[in-house]
Amino acid sequence: MLDREDRRLLTILQVEGRISMVELARRANMSETTCLRRVRSLEAAGVITGYGAEISRAATEFAVSAFIQVSLDQRIEAASDVFKTAIEQEPWVLECYSVAGSYDHLLKVVAPDNQALAQFVLKRLATYESVRDFQTVFVLVTVKEERALPLSGTGR
């Protein structure tokens, strides 16, 4: 269970992953030693899973985003396992979720352009033996894309 101090540290670290330990301790209103011990404890417990730079997609070649809903052929034994293993190897697939509903998986995919995305869908995804059906939803405008969890407990 996360206590109030852990949540305070995590809230700051989610937004400012490169903050110095001195500044983190100051902003969290705790000693540097306590702050460092708590952060290391959160890392060791797997609460903090890593640190990384957020990269603007507009500044890279990945201008197109899409969500792809995928249905698997349940007659194929281990269809889900085979699909998951294949998807883990696809660099354009940023996220993959097993979901309930009319589709089995939801993918978040990026590509350089619409033609490249079409090639990925038709020449790669559609050729997986376990894929029965899929639907692609193109992102027109990203309205909100938040990565930080609402740890302050003000989740309206």
C-alpha atoms as a PDB file:
ATOM      1  CA  MET A   1       0.000   0.000   0.000  1.00  0.00           C
ATOM      2  CA  LEU A   2       1.265   3.454  -0.850  1.00  0.00           C
ATOM      3  CA  ASP A   3       1.209   6.019   1.924  1.00  0.00           C
ATOM      4  CA  ARG A   4       0.803   9.772   1.491  1.00  0.00           C
ATOM      5  CA  GLU A   5       4.575  10.404   1.263  1.00  0.00           C
ATOM      6  CA  ASP A   6       5.030   7.703  -1.406  1.00  0.00           C
ATOM      7  CA  ARG A   7       2.179   9.216  -3.423  1.00  0.00           C
ATOM      8  CA  ARG A   8       3.734  12.671  -3.117  1.00  0.00           C
ATOM      9  CA  LEU A   9       7.087  11.362  -4.410  1.00  0.00           C
ATOM     10  CA  LEU A  10       5.458   9.425  -7.238  1.00  0.00           C
ATOM     11  CA  THR A  11       3.305  12.362  -8.298  1.00  0.00           C
ATOM     12  CA  ILE A  12       6.411  14.534  -8.657  1.00  0.00           C
ATOM     13  CA  LEU A  13       8.504  11.813 -10.350  1.00  0.00           C
ATOM     14  CA  GLN A  14       5.813  11.065 -12.944  1.00  0.00           C
ATOM     15  CA  VAL A  15       5.987  14.638 -14.199  1.00  0.00           C
ATOM     16  CA  GLU A  16       9.662  15.329 -13.551  1.00  0.00           C
ATOM     17  CA  GLY A  17      11.605  12.075 -13.865  1.00  0.00           C
ATOM     18  CA  ARG A  18      14.949  13.886 -14.088  1.00  0.00           C
ATOM     19  CA  ILE A  19      14.507  15.898 -10.891  1.00  0.00           C
ATOM     20  CA  SER A  20      17.499  15.747  -8.562  1.00  0.00           C
ATOM     21  CA  MET A  21      17.139  13.891  -5.286  1.00  0.00           C
ATOM     22  CA  VAL A  22      17.901  17.133  -3.447  1.00  0.00           C
ATOM     23  CA  GLU A  23      15.052  18.965  -5.206  1.00  0.00           C
ATOM     24  CA  LEU A  24      12.702  15.980  -4.866  1.00  0.00           C
ATOM     25  CA  ALA A  25      13.334  15.850  -1.114  1.00  0.00           C
ATOM     26  CA  ARG A  26      12.785  19.600  -0.809  1.00  0.00           C
ATOM     27  CA  ARG A  27       9.516  19.520  -2.761  1.00  0.00           C
ATOM     28  CA  ALA A  28       8.282  16.452  -0.887  1.00  0.00           C
ATOM     29  CA  ASN A  29       9.206  18.088   2.423  1.00  0.00           C
ATOM     30  CA  MET A  30      11.487  15.290   3.654  1.00  0.00           C
ATOM     31  CA  SER A  31      15.168  14.740   4.262  1.00  0.00           C
ATOM     32  CA  GLU A  32      17.367  13.652   1.350  1.00  0.00           C
ATOM     33  CA  THR A  33      18.188  10.388   3.131  1.00  0.00           C
ATOM     34  CA  THR A  34      14.524   9.554   3.696  1.00  0.00           C
ATOM     35  CA  CYS A  35      13.643  10.570   0.158  1.00  0.00           C
ATOM     36  CA  LEU A  36      16.390   8.407  -1.362  1.00  0.00           C
ATOM     37  CA  ARG A  37      15.444   5.439   0.836  1.00  0.00           C
ATOM     38  CA  ARG A  38      11.776   5.729  -0.176  1.00  0.00           C
ATOM     39  CA  VAL A  39      12.553   6.057  -3.890  1.00  0.00           C
ATOM     40  CA  ARG A  40      14.874   3.031  -3.791  1.00  0.00           C
ATOM     41  CA  SER A  41      12.220   1.088  -1.881  1.00  0.00           C
ATOM     42  CA  LEU A  42       9.591   2.000  -4.501  1.00  0.00           C
ATOM     43  CA  GLU A  43      11.982   0.879  -7.256  1.00  0.00           C
ATOM     44  CA  ALA A  44      12.793  -2.401  -5.473  1.00  0.00           C
ATOM     45  CA  ALA A  45       9.078  -3.102  -4.923  1.00  0.00           C
ATOM     46  CA  GLY A  46       8.381  -2.632  -8.634  1.00  0.00           C
ATOM     47  CA  VAL A  47       6.184   0.430  -8.106  1.00  0.00           C
ATOM     48  CA  ILE A  48       8.642   2.536 -10.104  1.00  0.00           C
ATOM     49  CA  THR A  49       9.358   0.448 -13.186  1.00  0.00           C
ATOM     50  CA  GLY A  50      11.671   2.810 -15.039  1.00  0.00           C
ATOM     51  CA  TYR A  51      12.537   6.303 -16.174  1.00  0.00           C
ATOM     52  CA  GLY A  52      12.491   7.591 -19.724  1.00  0.00           C
ATOM     53  CA  ALA A  53      12.167  10.554 -22.026  1.00  0.00           C
ATOM     54  CA  GLU A  54       8.802  11.388 -23.566  1.00  0.00           C
ATOM     55  CA  ILE A  55       9.322  11.942 -27.275  1.00  0.00           C
ATOM     56  CA  SER A  56       7.075  14.084 -29.462  1.00  0.00           C
ATOM     57  CA  ARG A  57       5.613  11.962 -32.249  1.00  0.00           C
ATOM     58  CA  ALA A  58       5.429  15.104 -34.395  1.00  0.00           C
ATOM     59  CA  ALA A  59       9.220  15.398 -34.149  1.00  0.00           C
ATOM     60  CA  THR A  60       9.697  11.835 -35.432  1.00  0.00           C
ATOM     61  CA  GLU A  61       8.579   9.992 -38.545  1.00  0.00           C
ATOM     62  CA  PHE A  62       5.554   8.479 -36.756  1.00  0.00           C
ATOM     63  CA  ALA A  63       2.833  10.902 -37.855  1.00  0.00           C
ATOM     64  CA  VAL A  64      -0.067   8.424 -37.897  1.00  0.00           C
ATOM     65  CA  SER A  65      -1.712   6.782 -34.884  1.00  0.00           C
ATOM     66  CA  ALA A  66      -4.447   4.176 -34.918  1.00  0.00           C
ATOM     67  CA  PHE A  67      -6.236   1.722 -32.694  1.00  0.00           C
ATOM     68  CA  ILE A  68      -6.803  -1.737 -34.099  1.00  0.00           C
ATOM     69  CA  GLN A  69      -9.382  -4.096 -32.635  1.00  0.00           C
ATOM     70  CA  VAL A  70      -8.498  -7.726 -33.306  1.00  0.00           C
ATOM     71  CA  SER A  71     -10.631 -10.880 -33.099  1.00  0.00           C
ATOM     72  CA  LEU A  72      -8.856 -14.208 -32.924  1.00  0.00           C
ATOM     73  CA  ASP A  73      -9.942 -17.554 -34.307  1.00  0.00           C
ATOM     74  CA  GLN A  74     -10.774 -19.417 -31.112  1.00  0.00           C
ATOM     75  CA  ARG A  75     -10.730 -22.736 -32.981  1.00  0.00           C
ATOM     76  CA  ILE A  76      -6.938 -22.455 -33.096  1.00  0.00           C
ATOM     77  CA  GLU A  77      -5.538 -23.859 -29.877  1.00  0.00           C
ATOM     78  CA  ALA A  78      -3.377 -21.301 -28.079  1.00  0.00           C
ATOM     79  CA  ALA A  79      -4.426 -18.576 -30.567  1.00  0.00           C
ATOM     80  CA  SER A  80      -4.073 -15.880 -27.936  1.00  0.00           C
ATOM     81  CA  ASP A  81      -0.579 -16.979 -26.893  1.00  0.00           C
ATOM     82  CA  VAL A  82       0.626 -17.145 -30.501  1.00  0.00           C
ATOM     83  CA  PHE A  83      -0.833 -13.713 -31.232  1.00  0.00           C
ATOM     84  CA  LYS A  84       0.673 -12.121 -28.103  1.00  0.00           C
ATOM     85  CA  THR A  85       4.108 -13.536 -28.903  1.00  0.00           C
ATOM     86  CA  ALA A  86       3.927 -12.168 -32.456  1.00  0.00           C
ATOM     87  CA  ILE A  87       2.692  -8.728 -31.339  1.00  0.00           C
ATOM     88  CA  GLU A  88       5.512  -8.397 -28.797  1.00  0.00           C
ATOM     89  CA  GLN A  89       7.910  -8.414 -31.773  1.00  0.00           C
ATOM     90  CA  GLU A  90       6.133  -5.597 -33.654  1.00  0.00           C
ATOM     91  CA  PRO A  91       7.888  -2.255 -32.995  1.00  0.00           C
ATOM     92  CA  TRP A  92       5.009  -0.121 -34.327  1.00  0.00           C
ATOM     93  CA  VAL A  93       2.628  -1.641 -31.764  1.00  0.00           C
ATOM     94  CA  LEU A  94       3.039   0.580 -28.719  1.00  0.00           C
ATOM     95  CA  GLU A  95       0.372  -1.066 -26.579  1.00  0.00           C
ATOM     96  CA  CYS A  96      -1.644  -4.280 -26.713  1.00  0.00           C
ATOM     97  CA  TYR A  97      -4.511  -5.148 -24.395  1.00  0.00           C
ATOM     98  CA  SER A  98      -6.574  -8.317 -24.062  1.00  0.00           C
ATOM     99  CA  VAL A  99     -10.133  -7.000 -23.776  1.00  0.00           C
ATOM    100  CA  ALA A 100     -13.672  -8.174 -23.143  1.00  0.00           C
ATOM    101  CA  GLY A 101     -16.334  -7.534 -25.748  1.00  0.00           C
ATOM    102  CA  SER A 102     -16.725  -8.243 -29.437  1.00  0.00           C
ATOM    103  CA  TYR A 103     -12.955  -8.141 -30.032  1.00  0.00           C
ATOM    104  CA  ASP A 104     -10.183 -10.005 -28.206  1.00  0.00           C
ATOM    105  CA  HIS A 105      -7.358  -7.447 -28.336  1.00  0.00           C
ATOM    106  CA  LEU A 106      -6.929  -3.708 -28.720  1.00  0.00           C
ATOM    107  CA  LEU A 107      -3.688  -2.399 -30.227  1.00  0.00           C
ATOM    108  CA  LYS A 108      -2.297   1.132 -30.212  1.00  0.00           C
ATOM    109  CA  VAL A 109      -0.162   1.469 -33.342  1.00  0.00           C
ATOM    110  CA  VAL A 110       1.979   4.206 -34.900  1.00  0.00           C
ATOM    111  CA  ALA A 111       3.262   4.474 -38.459  1.00  0.00           C
ATOM    112  CA  PRO A 112       5.014   7.007 -40.691  1.00  0.00           C
ATOM    113  CA  ASP A 113       1.934   7.533 -42.897  1.00  0.00           C
ATOM    114  CA  ASN A 114      -1.400   5.992 -43.910  1.00  0.00           C
ATOM    115  CA  GLN A 115       0.167   3.864 -46.633  1.00  0.00           C
ATOM    116  CA  ALA A 116       2.708   2.376 -44.219  1.00  0.00           C
ATOM    117  CA  LEU A 117      -0.045   1.660 -41.714  1.00  0.00           C
ATOM    118  CA  ALA A 118      -2.127  -0.036 -44.413  1.00  0.00           C
ATOM    119  CA  GLN A 119       0.873  -2.178 -45.357  1.00  0.00           C
ATOM    120  CA  PHE A 120       1.381  -3.138 -41.708  1.00  0.00           C
ATOM    121  CA  VAL A 121      -2.282  -4.096 -41.300  1.00  0.00           C
ATOM    122  CA  LEU A 122      -2.660  -5.960 -44.599  1.00  0.00           C
ATOM    123  CA  LYS A 123       0.782  -7.513 -45.016  1.00  0.00           C
ATOM    124  CA  ARG A 124       1.619  -8.286 -41.382  1.00  0.00           C
ATOM    125  CA  LEU A 125      -1.329  -8.266 -39.024  1.00  0.00           C
ATOM    126  CA  ALA A 126      -3.822  -9.873 -41.407  1.00  0.00           C
ATOM    127  CA  THR A 127      -1.389 -12.685 -42.176  1.00  0.00           C
ATOM    128  CA  TYR A 128      -1.178 -13.948 -38.590  1.00  0.00           C
ATOM    129  CA  GLU A 129      -2.825 -17.362 -38.643  1.00  0.00           C
ATOM    130  CA  SER A 130      -4.843 -16.705 -35.493  1.00  0.00           C
ATOM    131  CA  VAL A 131      -6.359 -13.370 -36.660  1.00  0.00           C
ATOM    132  CA  ARG A 132      -9.998 -13.843 -37.689  1.00  0.00           C
ATOM    133  CA  ASP A 133     -11.083 -10.207 -38.034  1.00  0.00           C
ATOM    134  CA  PHE A 134      -9.854  -6.691 -37.300  1.00  0.00           C
ATOM    135  CA  GLN A 135     -11.055  -3.113 -37.415  1.00  0.00           C
ATOM    136  CA  THR A 136      -8.781  -0.083 -37.669  1.00  0.00           C
ATOM    137  CA  VAL A 137      -9.742   3.241 -36.113  1.00  0.00           C
ATOM    138  CA  PHE A 138      -7.558   6.154 -37.247  1.00  0.00           C
ATOM    139  CA  VAL A 139      -6.741   8.924 -34.785  1.00  0.00           C
ATOM    140  CA  LEU A 140      -7.670  12.286 -36.295  1.00  0.00           C
ATOM    141  CA  VAL A 141      -6.695  14.516 -33.353  1.00  0.00           C
ATOM    142  CA  THR A 142      -5.324  13.575 -29.966  1.00  0.00           C
ATOM    143  CA  VAL A 143      -7.518  15.387 -27.451  1.00  0.00           C
ATOM    144  CA  LYS A 144      -5.794  14.092 -24.309  1.00  0.00           C
ATOM    145  CA  GLU A 145      -2.860  11.775 -23.790  1.00  0.00           C
ATOM    146  CA  GLU A 146      -1.927  11.537 -20.130  1.00  0.00           C
ATOM    147  CA  ARG A 147       0.774   9.238 -18.840  1.00  0.00           C
ATOM    148  CA  ALA A 148       0.784  10.222 -15.171  1.00  0.00           C
ATOM    149  CA  LEU A 149      -1.525   8.307 -12.849  1.00  0.00           C
ATOM    150  CA  PRO A 150      -3.838  10.429 -10.659  1.00  0.00           C
ATOM    151  CA  LEU A 151      -2.176   9.480  -7.380  1.00  0.00           C
ATOM    152  CA  SER A 152      -3.426  12.472  -5.423  1.00  0.00           C
ATOM    153  CA  GLY A 153      -6.824  10.813  -5.037  1.00  0.00           C
ATOM    154  CA  THR A 154      -8.749  13.605  -6.753  1.00  0.00           C
ATOM    155  CA  GLY A 155     -10.128  11.340  -9.487  1.00  0.00           C
ATOM    156  CA  ARG A 156     -13.514  13.120  -9.697  1.00  0.00           C
END
